[in-house]
Amino acid sequence: ECIAASGEENALLYWQCSRGTALRRHNFPDASVRPNLT
């Protein structure tokens, strides 16, 4: 969907996933926090 939206024939496709959005602490956040996709 992102490729199509760009309309570019030649491009770099990049995607990343983080552990989620939560207050800063070294431990993993609560299990209810879902990963973020960029």
PDB file of all heavy atoms in Angstrom:
ATOM      1  N   GLU A   1       0.844  -1.205   0.000  1.00  0.00           N
ATOM      2  CA  GLU A   1       0.000   0.000   0.000  1.00  0.00           C
ATOM      3  C   GLU A   1       0.878   1.253   0.000  1.00  0.00           C
ATOM      4  O   GLU A   1       0.601   2.221  -0.710  1.00  0.00           O
ATOM      5  CB  GLU A   1      -0.921  -0.001   1.215  1.00  0.00           C
ATOM      6  CG  GLU A   1      -1.839   1.213   1.296  1.00  0.00           C
ATOM      7  CD  GLU A   1      -2.706   1.218   2.543  1.00  0.00           C
ATOM      8  OE1 GLU A   1      -2.638   0.254   3.334  1.00  0.00           O
ATOM      9  OE2 GLU A   1      -3.445   2.200   2.742  1.00  0.00           O
ATOM     10  N   CYS A   2       1.952   1.222   0.783  1.00  0.00           N
ATOM     11  CA  CYS A   2       2.872   2.366   0.837  1.00  0.00           C
ATOM     12  C   CYS A   2       3.603   2.530  -0.492  1.00  0.00           C
ATOM     13  O   CYS A   2       3.795   3.654  -0.973  1.00  0.00           O
ATOM     14  CB  CYS A   2       3.865   2.185   1.974  1.00  0.00           C
ATOM     15  SG  CYS A   2       3.139   2.282   3.630  1.00  0.00           S
ATOM     16  N   ILE A   3       4.014   1.411  -1.100  1.00  0.00           N
ATOM     17  CA  ILE A   3       4.682   1.473  -2.399  1.00  0.00           C
ATOM     18  C   ILE A   3       3.760   2.108  -3.423  1.00  0.00           C
ATOM     19  O   ILE A   3       4.150   2.998  -4.183  1.00  0.00           O
ATOM     20  CB  ILE A   3       5.113   0.058  -2.847  1.00  0.00           C
ATOM     21  CG1 ILE A   3       6.236  -0.472  -1.959  1.00  0.00           C
ATOM     22  CG2 ILE A   3       5.564   0.078  -4.312  1.00  0.00           C
ATOM     23  CD1 ILE A   3       6.551  -1.940  -2.183  1.00  0.00           C
ATOM     24  N   ALA A   4       2.499   1.644  -3.453  1.00  0.00           N
ATOM     25  CA  ALA A   4       1.534   2.178  -4.415  1.00  0.00           C
ATOM     26  C   ALA A   4       1.279   3.663  -4.177  1.00  0.00           C
ATOM     27  O   ALA A   4       1.172   4.451  -5.125  1.00  0.00           O
ATOM     28  CB  ALA A   4       0.230   1.391  -4.329  1.00  0.00           C
ATOM     29  N   ALA A   5       1.199   4.058  -2.917  1.00  0.00           N
ATOM     30  CA  ALA A   5       0.931   5.460  -2.599  1.00  0.00           C
ATOM     31  C   ALA A   5       2.070   6.371  -3.038  1.00  0.00           C
ATOM     32  O   ALA A   5       1.853   7.536  -3.372  1.00  0.00           O
ATOM     33  CB  ALA A   5       0.687   5.614  -1.100  1.00  0.00           C
ATOM     34  N   SER A   6       3.291   5.838  -3.036  1.00  0.00           N
ATOM     35  CA  SER A   6       4.433   6.666  -3.429  1.00  0.00           C
ATOM     36  C   SER A   6       4.427   6.958  -4.920  1.00  0.00           C
ATOM     37  O   SER A   6       4.892   8.011  -5.358  1.00  0.00           O
ATOM     38  CB  SER A   6       5.751   5.975  -3.056  1.00  0.00           C
ATOM     39  OG  SER A   6       6.046   4.909  -3.939  1.00  0.00           O
ATOM     40  N   GLY A   7       3.928   6.017  -5.699  1.00  0.00           N
ATOM     41  CA  GLY A   7       3.929   6.189  -7.147  1.00  0.00           C
ATOM     42  C   GLY A   7       5.307   6.106  -7.770  1.00  0.00           C
ATOM     43  O   GLY A   7       5.480   6.418  -8.951  1.00  0.00           O
ATOM     44  N   GLU A   8       6.301   5.652  -6.996  1.00  0.00           N
ATOM     45  CA  GLU A   8       7.676   5.592  -7.483  1.00  0.00           C
ATOM     46  C   GLU A   8       7.982   4.225  -8.094  1.00  0.00           C
ATOM     47  O   GLU A   8       7.641   3.195  -7.525  1.00  0.00           O
ATOM     48  CB  GLU A   8       8.660   5.860  -6.338  1.00  0.00           C
ATOM     49  CG  GLU A   8       8.574   7.261  -5.749  1.00  0.00           C
ATOM     50  CD  GLU A   8       9.061   8.327  -6.715  1.00  0.00           C
ATOM     51  OE1 GLU A   8       9.896   8.010  -7.582  1.00  0.00           O
ATOM     52  OE2 GLU A   8       8.604   9.474  -6.599  1.00  0.00           O
ATOM     53  N   GLU A   9       8.625   4.211  -9.261  1.00  0.00           N
ATOM     54  CA  GLU A   9       9.013   2.951  -9.879  1.00  0.00           C
ATOM     55  C   GLU A   9      10.284   2.383  -9.257  1.00  0.00           C
ATOM     56  O   GLU A   9      10.454   1.173  -9.161  1.00  0.00           O
ATOM     57  CB  GLU A   9       9.214   3.144 -11.388  1.00  0.00           C
ATOM     58  CG  GLU A   9       7.923   3.393 -12.146  1.00  0.00           C
ATOM     59  CD  GLU A   9       8.116   3.291 -13.642  1.00  0.00           C
ATOM     60  OE1 GLU A   9       9.267   3.061 -14.078  1.00  0.00           O
ATOM     61  OE2 GLU A   9       7.129   3.438 -14.370  1.00  0.00           O
ATOM     62  N   ASN A  10      11.206   3.258  -8.863  1.00  0.00           N
ATOM     63  CA  ASN A  10      12.456   2.836  -8.230  1.00  0.00           C
ATOM     64  C   ASN A  10      12.556   3.531  -6.878  1.00  0.00           C
ATOM     65  O   ASN A  10      12.561   4.773  -6.811  1.00  0.00           O
ATOM     66  CB  ASN A  10      13.658   3.210  -9.095  1.00  0.00           C
ATOM     67  CG  ASN A  10      13.642   2.494 -10.426  1.00  0.00           C
ATOM     68  OD1 ASN A  10      13.851   1.295 -10.496  1.00  0.00           O
ATOM     69  ND2 ASN A  10      13.376   3.242 -11.488  1.00  0.00           N
ATOM     70  N   ALA A  11      12.619   2.747  -5.816  1.00  0.00           N
ATOM     71  CA  ALA A  11      12.597   3.336  -4.478  1.00  0.00           C
ATOM     72  C   ALA A  11      13.205   2.386  -3.464  1.00  0.00           C
ATOM     73  O   ALA A  11      13.379   1.189  -3.719  1.00  0.00           O
ATOM     74  CB  ALA A  11      11.156   3.669  -4.077  1.00  0.00           C
ATOM     75  N   LEU A  12      13.526   2.944  -2.301  1.00  0.00           N
ATOM     76  CA  LEU A  12      13.958   2.138  -1.163  1.00  0.00           C
ATOM     77  C   LEU A  12      12.772   2.000  -0.223  1.00  0.00           C
ATOM     78  O   LEU A  12      12.175   2.996   0.195  1.00  0.00           O
ATOM     79  CB  LEU A  12      15.130   2.795  -0.440  1.00  0.00           C
ATOM     80  CG  LEU A  12      15.712   1.974   0.722  1.00  0.00           C
ATOM     81  CD1 LEU A  12      16.414   0.729   0.184  1.00  0.00           C
ATOM     82  CD2 LEU A  12      16.684   2.814   1.550  1.00  0.00           C
ATOM     83  N   LEU A  13      12.426   0.758   0.090  1.00  0.00           N
ATOM     84  CA  LEU A  13      11.349   0.460   1.031  1.00  0.00           C
ATOM     85  C   LEU A  13      11.980   0.115   2.374  1.00  0.00           C
ATOM     86  O   LEU A  13      12.766  -0.827   2.469  1.00  0.00           O
ATOM     87  CB  LEU A  13      10.512  -0.708   0.512  1.00  0.00           C
ATOM     88  CG  LEU A  13       9.472  -1.300   1.471  1.00  0.00           C
ATOM     89  CD1 LEU A  13       8.392  -0.280   1.797  1.00  0.00           C
ATOM     90  CD2 LEU A  13       8.868  -2.576   0.883  1.00  0.00           C
ATOM     91  N   TYR A  14      11.630   0.863   3.409  1.00  0.00           N
ATOM     92  CA  TYR A  14      12.194   0.680   4.752  1.00  0.00           C
ATOM     93  C   TYR A  14      11.041   0.487   5.722  1.00  0.00           C
ATOM     94  O   TYR A  14      10.039   1.199   5.647  1.00  0.00           O
ATOM     95  CB  TYR A  14      13.008   1.921   5.138  1.00  0.00           C
ATOM     96  CG  TYR A  14      13.462   1.969   6.588  1.00  0.00           C
ATOM     97  CD1 TYR A  14      14.756   1.604   6.939  1.00  0.00           C
ATOM     98  CD2 TYR A  14      12.605   2.406   7.602  1.00  0.00           C
ATOM     99  CE1 TYR A  14      15.179   1.657   8.257  1.00  0.00           C
ATOM    100  CE2 TYR A  14      13.018   2.451   8.924  1.00  0.00           C
ATOM    101  CZ  TYR A  14      14.306   2.075   9.251  1.00  0.00           C
ATOM    102  OH  TYR A  14      14.719   2.121  10.561  1.00  0.00           O
ATOM    103  N   TRP A  15      11.185  -0.474   6.624  1.00  0.00           N
ATOM    104  CA  TRP A  15      10.187  -0.591   7.682  1.00  0.00           C
ATOM    105  C   TRP A  15      10.865  -0.994   8.977  1.00  0.00           C
ATOM    106  O   TRP A  15      11.889  -1.655   8.977  1.00  0.00           O
ATOM    107  CB  TRP A  15       9.081  -1.568   7.294  1.00  0.00           C
ATOM    108  CG  TRP A  15       9.440  -3.009   7.149  1.00  0.00           C
ATOM    109  CD1 TRP A  15       9.269  -3.994   8.068  1.00  0.00           C
ATOM    110  CD2 TRP A  15      10.009  -3.659   5.994  1.00  0.00           C
ATOM    111  NE1 TRP A  15       9.691  -5.203   7.576  1.00  0.00           N
ATOM    112  CE2 TRP A  15      10.138  -5.035   6.297  1.00  0.00           C
ATOM    113  CE3 TRP A  15      10.406  -3.210   4.732  1.00  0.00           C
ATOM    114  CZ2 TRP A  15      10.669  -5.953   5.401  1.00  0.00           C
ATOM    115  CZ3 TRP A  15      10.939  -4.124   3.840  1.00  0.00           C
ATOM    116  CH2 TRP A  15      11.060  -5.470   4.169  1.00  0.00           C
ATOM    117  N   GLN A  16      10.280  -0.533  10.087  1.00  0.00           N
ATOM    118  CA  GLN A  16      10.843  -0.852  11.391  1.00  0.00           C
ATOM    119  C   GLN A  16       9.725  -1.111  12.389  1.00  0.00           C
ATOM    120  O   GLN A  16       8.587  -0.662  12.219  1.00  0.00           O
ATOM    121  CB  GLN A  16      11.744   0.272  11.905  1.00  0.00           C
ATOM    122  CG  GLN A  16      11.004   1.519  12.375  1.00  0.00           C
ATOM    123  CD  GLN A  16      11.934   2.554  12.989  1.00  0.00           C
ATOM    124  OE1 GLN A  16      13.013   2.818  12.476  1.00  0.00           O
ATOM    125  NE2 GLN A  16      11.499   3.166  14.073  1.00  0.00           N
ATOM    126  N   CYS A  17      10.085  -1.835  13.434  1.00  0.00           N
ATOM    127  CA  CYS A  17       9.146  -2.122  14.506  1.00  0.00           C
ATOM    128  C   CYS A  17       9.830  -1.840  15.832  1.00  0.00           C
ATOM    129  O   CYS A  17      10.935  -2.334  16.082  1.00  0.00           O
ATOM    130  CB  CYS A  17       8.703  -3.585  14.441  1.00  0.00           C
ATOM    131  SG  CYS A  17       7.546  -4.071  15.746  1.00  0.00           S
ATOM    132  N   SER A  18       9.197  -1.042  16.657  1.00  0.00           N
ATOM    133  CA  SER A  18       9.715  -0.809  18.006  1.00  0.00           C
ATOM    134  C   SER A  18       8.856  -1.569  19.010  1.00  0.00           C
ATOM    135  O   SER A  18       7.769  -2.051  18.682  1.00  0.00           O
ATOM    136  CB  SER A  18       9.719   0.677  18.347  1.00  0.00           C
ATOM    137  OG  SER A  18       8.400   1.142  18.603  1.00  0.00           O
ATOM    138  N   ARG A  19       9.350  -1.662  20.243  1.00  0.00           N
ATOM    139  CA  ARG A  19       8.637  -2.444  21.255  1.00  0.00           C
ATOM    140  C   ARG A  19       7.332  -1.782  21.685  1.00  0.00           C
ATOM    141  O   ARG A  19       6.478  -2.422  22.293  1.00  0.00           O
ATOM    142  CB  ARG A  19       9.547  -2.675  22.472  1.00  0.00           C
ATOM    143  CG  ARG A  19       9.085  -3.826  23.361  1.00  0.00           C
ATOM    144  CD  ARG A  19      10.070  -4.071  24.504  1.00  0.00           C
ATOM    145  NE  ARG A  19      11.408  -4.375  24.037  1.00  0.00           N
ATOM    146  CZ  ARG A  19      11.821  -5.570  23.659  1.00  0.00           C
ATOM    147  NH1 ARG A  19      10.989  -6.604  23.688  1.00  0.00           N
ATOM    148  NH2 ARG A  19      13.055  -5.776  23.244  1.00  0.00           N
ATOM    149  N   GLY A  20       7.162  -0.503  21.369  1.00  0.00           N
ATOM    150  CA  GLY A  20       5.911   0.164  21.701  1.00  0.00           C
ATOM    151  C   GLY A  20       6.132   1.544  22.283  1.00  0.00           C
ATOM    152  O   GLY A  20       7.247   2.074  22.290  1.00  0.00           O
ATOM    153  N   THR A  21       5.070   2.133  22.770  1.00  0.00           N
ATOM    154  CA  THR A  21       5.084   3.473  23.353  1.00  0.00           C
ATOM    155  C   THR A  21       4.816   3.372  24.851  1.00  0.00           C
ATOM    156  O   THR A  21       3.756   2.885  25.259  1.00  0.00           O
ATOM    157  CB  THR A  21       4.023   4.366  22.689  1.00  0.00           C
ATOM    158  OG1 THR A  21       4.264   4.410  21.279  1.00  0.00           O
ATOM    159  CG2 THR A  21       4.055   5.782  23.253  1.00  0.00           C
ATOM    160  N   ALA A  22       5.763   3.818  25.666  1.00  0.00           N
ATOM    161  CA  ALA A  22       5.633   3.701  27.119  1.00  0.00           C
ATOM    162  C   ALA A  22       6.638   4.625  27.795  1.00  0.00           C
ATOM    163  O   ALA A  22       7.624   5.038  27.180  1.00  0.00           O
ATOM    164  CB  ALA A  22       5.874   2.255  27.556  1.00  0.00           C
ATOM    165  N   LEU A  23       6.388   4.932  29.066  1.00  0.00           N
ATOM    166  CA  LEU A  23       7.340   5.739  29.830  1.00  0.00           C
ATOM    167  C   LEU A  23       8.699   5.052  29.844  1.00  0.00           C
ATOM    168  O   LEU A  23       8.796   3.829  29.874  1.00  0.00           O
ATOM    169  CB  LEU A  23       6.839   5.937  31.259  1.00  0.00           C
ATOM    170  CG  LEU A  23       5.639   6.870  31.431  1.00  0.00           C
ATOM    171  CD1 LEU A  23       5.143   6.834  32.871  1.00  0.00           C
ATOM    172  CD2 LEU A  23       6.011   8.303  31.033  1.00  0.00           C
ATOM    173  N   ARG A  24       9.761   5.873  29.852  1.00  0.00           N
ATOM    174  CA  ARG A  24      11.105   5.346  29.740  1.00  0.00           C
ATOM    175  C   ARG A  24      11.500   4.559  30.990  1.00  0.00           C
ATOM    176  O   ARG A  24      11.548   5.089  32.093  1.00  0.00           O
ATOM    177  CB  ARG A  24      12.108   6.483  29.507  1.00  0.00           C
ATOM    178  CG  ARG A  24      13.526   5.987  29.256  1.00  0.00           C
ATOM    179  CD  ARG A  24      14.507   7.154  29.140  1.00  0.00           C
ATOM    180  NE  ARG A  24      15.830   6.687  28.784  1.00  0.00           N
ATOM    181  CZ  ARG A  24      16.720   6.168  29.639  1.00  0.00           C
ATOM    182  NH1 ARG A  24      16.402   6.069  30.928  1.00  0.00           N
ATOM    183  NH2 ARG A  24      17.904   5.776  29.225  1.00  0.00           N
ATOM    184  N   ARG A  25      11.785   3.285  30.774  1.00  0.00           N
ATOM    185  CA  ARG A  25      12.398   2.428  31.785  1.00  0.00           C
ATOM    186  C   ARG A  25      13.023   1.254  31.044  1.00  0.00           C
ATOM    187  O   ARG A  25      12.582   0.878  29.955  1.00  0.00           O
ATOM    188  CB  ARG A  25      11.397   1.943  32.832  1.00  0.00           C
ATOM    189  CG  ARG A  25      10.310   1.038  32.303  1.00  0.00           C
ATOM    190  CD  ARG A  25       9.511   0.417  33.437  1.00  0.00           C
ATOM    191  NE  ARG A  25       8.560  -0.562  32.943  1.00  0.00           N
ATOM    192  CZ  ARG A  25       7.905  -1.420  33.709  1.00  0.00           C
ATOM    193  NH1 ARG A  25       8.104  -1.414  35.020  1.00  0.00           N
ATOM    194  NH2 ARG A  25       7.052  -2.280  33.190  1.00  0.00           N
ATOM    195  N   HIS A  26      14.064   0.668  31.639  1.00  0.00           N
ATOM    196  CA  HIS A  26      14.790  -0.364  30.932  1.00  0.00           C
ATOM    197  C   HIS A  26      13.997  -1.659  30.798  1.00  0.00           C
ATOM    198  O   HIS A  26      14.165  -2.377  29.812  1.00  0.00           O
ATOM    199  CB  HIS A  26      16.139  -0.630  31.619  1.00  0.00           C
ATOM    200  CG  HIS A  26      17.152   0.450  31.381  1.00  0.00           C
ATOM    201  ND1 HIS A  26      17.057   1.692  31.955  1.00  0.00           N
ATOM    202  CD2 HIS A  26      18.264   0.466  30.604  1.00  0.00           C
ATOM    203  CE1 HIS A  26      18.080   2.442  31.567  1.00  0.00           C
ATOM    204  NE2 HIS A  26      18.833   1.721  30.741  1.00  0.00           N
ATOM    205  N   ASN A  27      13.158  -1.977  31.758  1.00  0.00           N
ATOM    206  CA  ASN A  27      12.341  -3.181  31.652  1.00  0.00           C
ATOM    207  C   ASN A  27      11.382  -3.074  30.465  1.00  0.00           C
ATOM    208  O   ASN A  27      11.019  -1.977  30.043  1.00  0.00           O
ATOM    209  CB  ASN A  27      11.498  -3.377  32.923  1.00  0.00           C
ATOM    210  CG  ASN A  27      12.350  -3.514  34.161  1.00  0.00           C
ATOM    211  OD1 ASN A  27      13.418  -2.944  34.251  1.00  0.00           O
ATOM    212  ND2 ASN A  27      11.848  -4.255  35.118  1.00  0.00           N
ATOM    213  N   PHE A  28      10.947  -4.232  29.971  1.00  0.00           N
ATOM    214  CA  PHE A  28       9.919  -4.216  28.938  1.00  0.00           C
ATOM    215  C   PHE A  28       8.652  -3.563  29.503  1.00  0.00           C
ATOM    216  O   PHE A  28       8.351  -3.720  30.693  1.00  0.00           O
ATOM    217  CB  PHE A  28       9.570  -5.640  28.495  1.00  0.00           C
ATOM    218  CG  PHE A  28      10.666  -6.364  27.755  1.00  0.00           C
ATOM    219  CD1 PHE A  28      10.506  -7.691  27.400  1.00  0.00           C
ATOM    220  CD2 PHE A  28      11.852  -5.732  27.406  1.00  0.00           C
ATOM    221  CE1 PHE A  28      11.490  -8.380  26.717  1.00  0.00           C
ATOM    222  CE2 PHE A  28      12.858  -6.398  26.723  1.00  0.00           C
ATOM    223  CZ  PHE A  28      12.675  -7.728  26.378  1.00  0.00           C
ATOM    224  N   PRO A  29       7.900  -2.863  28.666  1.00  0.00           N
ATOM    225  CA  PRO A  29       6.639  -2.292  29.140  1.00  0.00           C
ATOM    226  C   PRO A  29       5.604  -3.376  29.402  1.00  0.00           C
ATOM    227  O   PRO A  29       5.807  -4.560  29.075  1.00  0.00           O
ATOM    228  CB  PRO A  29       6.203  -1.386  27.988  1.00  0.00           C
ATOM    229  CG  PRO A  29       6.872  -1.945  26.781  1.00  0.00           C
ATOM    230  CD  PRO A  29       8.181  -2.518  27.257  1.00  0.00           C
ATOM    231  N   ASP A  30       4.487  -2.983  29.974  1.00  0.00           N
ATOM    232  CA  ASP A  30       3.396  -3.903  30.253  1.00  0.00           C
ATOM    233  C   ASP A  30       2.967  -4.623  28.976  1.00  0.00           C
ATOM    234  O   ASP A  30       3.051  -4.079  27.871  1.00  0.00           O
ATOM    235  CB  ASP A  30       2.214  -3.110  30.837  1.00  0.00           C
ATOM    236  CG  ASP A  30       1.074  -4.013  31.249  1.00  0.00           C
ATOM    237  OD1 ASP A  30       1.068  -4.485  32.392  1.00  0.00           O
ATOM    238  OD2 ASP A  30       0.172  -4.234  30.404  1.00  0.00           O
ATOM    239  N   ALA A  31       2.466  -5.839  29.137  1.00  0.00           N
ATOM    240  CA  ALA A  31       2.078  -6.657  27.989  1.00  0.00           C
ATOM    241  C   ALA A  31       0.979  -6.014  27.151  1.00  0.00           C
ATOM    242  O   ALA A  31       0.785  -6.385  25.981  1.00  0.00           O
ATOM    243  CB  ALA A  31       1.636  -8.037  28.462  1.00  0.00           C
ATOM    244  N   SER A  32       0.261  -5.061  27.712  1.00  0.00           N
ATOM    245  CA  SER A  32      -0.799  -4.394  26.961  1.00  0.00           C
ATOM    246  C   SER A  32      -0.249  -3.415  25.920  1.00  0.00           C
ATOM    247  O   SER A  32      -0.973  -2.992  25.016  1.00  0.00           O
ATOM    248  CB  SER A  32      -1.737  -3.640  27.913  1.00  0.00           C
ATOM    249  OG  SER A  32      -1.030  -2.597  28.587  1.00  0.00           O
ATOM    250  N   VAL A  33       1.033  -3.043  26.051  1.00  0.00           N
ATOM    251  CA  VAL A  33       1.663  -2.124  25.099  1.00  0.00           C
ATOM    252  C   VAL A  33       1.998  -2.895  23.827  1.00  0.00           C
ATOM    253  O   VAL A  33       2.695  -3.907  23.869  1.00  0.00           O
ATOM    254  CB  VAL A  33       2.938  -1.491  25.694  1.00  0.00           C
ATOM    255  CG1 VAL A  33       3.664  -0.654  24.647  1.00  0.00           C
ATOM    256  CG2 VAL A  33       2.585  -0.658  26.908  1.00  0.00           C
ATOM    257  N   ARG A  34       1.502  -2.400  22.698  1.00  0.00           N
ATOM    258  CA  ARG A  34       1.692  -3.093  21.432  1.00  0.00           C
ATOM    259  C   ARG A  34       2.856  -2.481  20.643  1.00  0.00           C
ATOM    260  O   ARG A  34       3.162  -1.297  20.778  1.00  0.00           O
ATOM    261  CB  ARG A  34       0.410  -3.006  20.583  1.00  0.00           C
ATOM    262  CG  ARG A  34      -0.788  -3.650  21.235  1.00  0.00           C
ATOM    263  CD  ARG A  34      -0.545  -5.121  21.509  1.00  0.00           C
ATOM    264  NE  ARG A  34      -0.187  -5.832  20.282  1.00  0.00           N
ATOM    265  CZ  ARG A  34       0.527  -6.937  20.247  1.00  0.00           C
ATOM    266  NH1 ARG A  34       1.002  -7.475  21.363  1.00  0.00           N
ATOM    267  NH2 ARG A  34       0.798  -7.522  19.093  1.00  0.00           N
ATOM    268  N   PRO A  35       3.521  -3.288  19.814  1.00  0.00           N
ATOM    269  CA  PRO A  35       4.624  -2.773  18.990  1.00  0.00           C
ATOM    270  C   PRO A  35       4.139  -1.695  18.016  1.00  0.00           C
ATOM    271  O   PRO A  35       2.968  -1.675  17.615  1.00  0.00           O
ATOM    272  CB  PRO A  35       5.099  -4.022  18.227  1.00  0.00           C
ATOM    273  CG  PRO A  35       4.621  -5.177  19.037  1.00  0.00           C
ATOM    274  CD  PRO A  35       3.335  -4.746  19.641  1.00  0.00           C
ATOM    275  N   ASN A  36       5.061  -0.810  17.646  1.00  0.00           N
ATOM    276  CA  ASN A  36       4.770   0.250  16.685  1.00  0.00           C
ATOM    277  C   ASN A  36       5.425  -0.073  15.347  1.00  0.00           C
ATOM    278  O   ASN A  36       6.586  -0.472  15.293  1.00  0.00           O
ATOM    279  CB  ASN A  36       5.305   1.591  17.184  1.00  0.00           C
ATOM    280  CG  ASN A  36       4.588   2.069  18.433  1.00  0.00           C
ATOM    281  OD1 ASN A  36       3.385   1.884  18.572  1.00  0.00           O
ATOM    282  ND2 ASN A  36       5.321   2.679  19.349  1.00  0.00           N
ATOM    283  N   LEU A  37       4.685   0.139  14.267  1.00  0.00           N
ATOM    284  CA  LEU A  37       5.190  -0.113  12.924  1.00  0.00           C
ATOM    285  C   LEU A  37       5.361   1.200  12.172  1.00  0.00           C
ATOM    286  O   LEU A  37       4.442   2.011  12.095  1.00  0.00           O
ATOM    287  CB  LEU A  37       4.225  -1.017  12.152  1.00  0.00           C
ATOM    288  CG  LEU A  37       4.590  -1.294  10.686  1.00  0.00           C
ATOM    289  CD1 LEU A  37       5.896  -2.074  10.580  1.00  0.00           C
ATOM    290  CD2 LEU A  37       3.454  -2.046   9.989  1.00  0.00           C
ATOM    291  N   THR A  38       6.566   1.384  11.629  1.00  0.00           N
ATOM    292  CA  THR A  38       6.889   2.550  10.808  1.00  0.00           C
ATOM    293  C   THR A  38       7.338   2.079   9.433  1.00  0.00           C
ATOM    294  O   THR A  38       8.084   1.099   9.331  1.00  0.00           O
ATOM    295  CB  THR A  38       8.031   3.367  11.445  1.00  0.00           C
ATOM    296  OG1 THR A  38       7.650   3.770  12.761  1.00  0.00           O
ATOM    297  CG2 THR A  38       8.358   4.608  10.614  1.00  0.00           C
TER     298      THR A  38
END
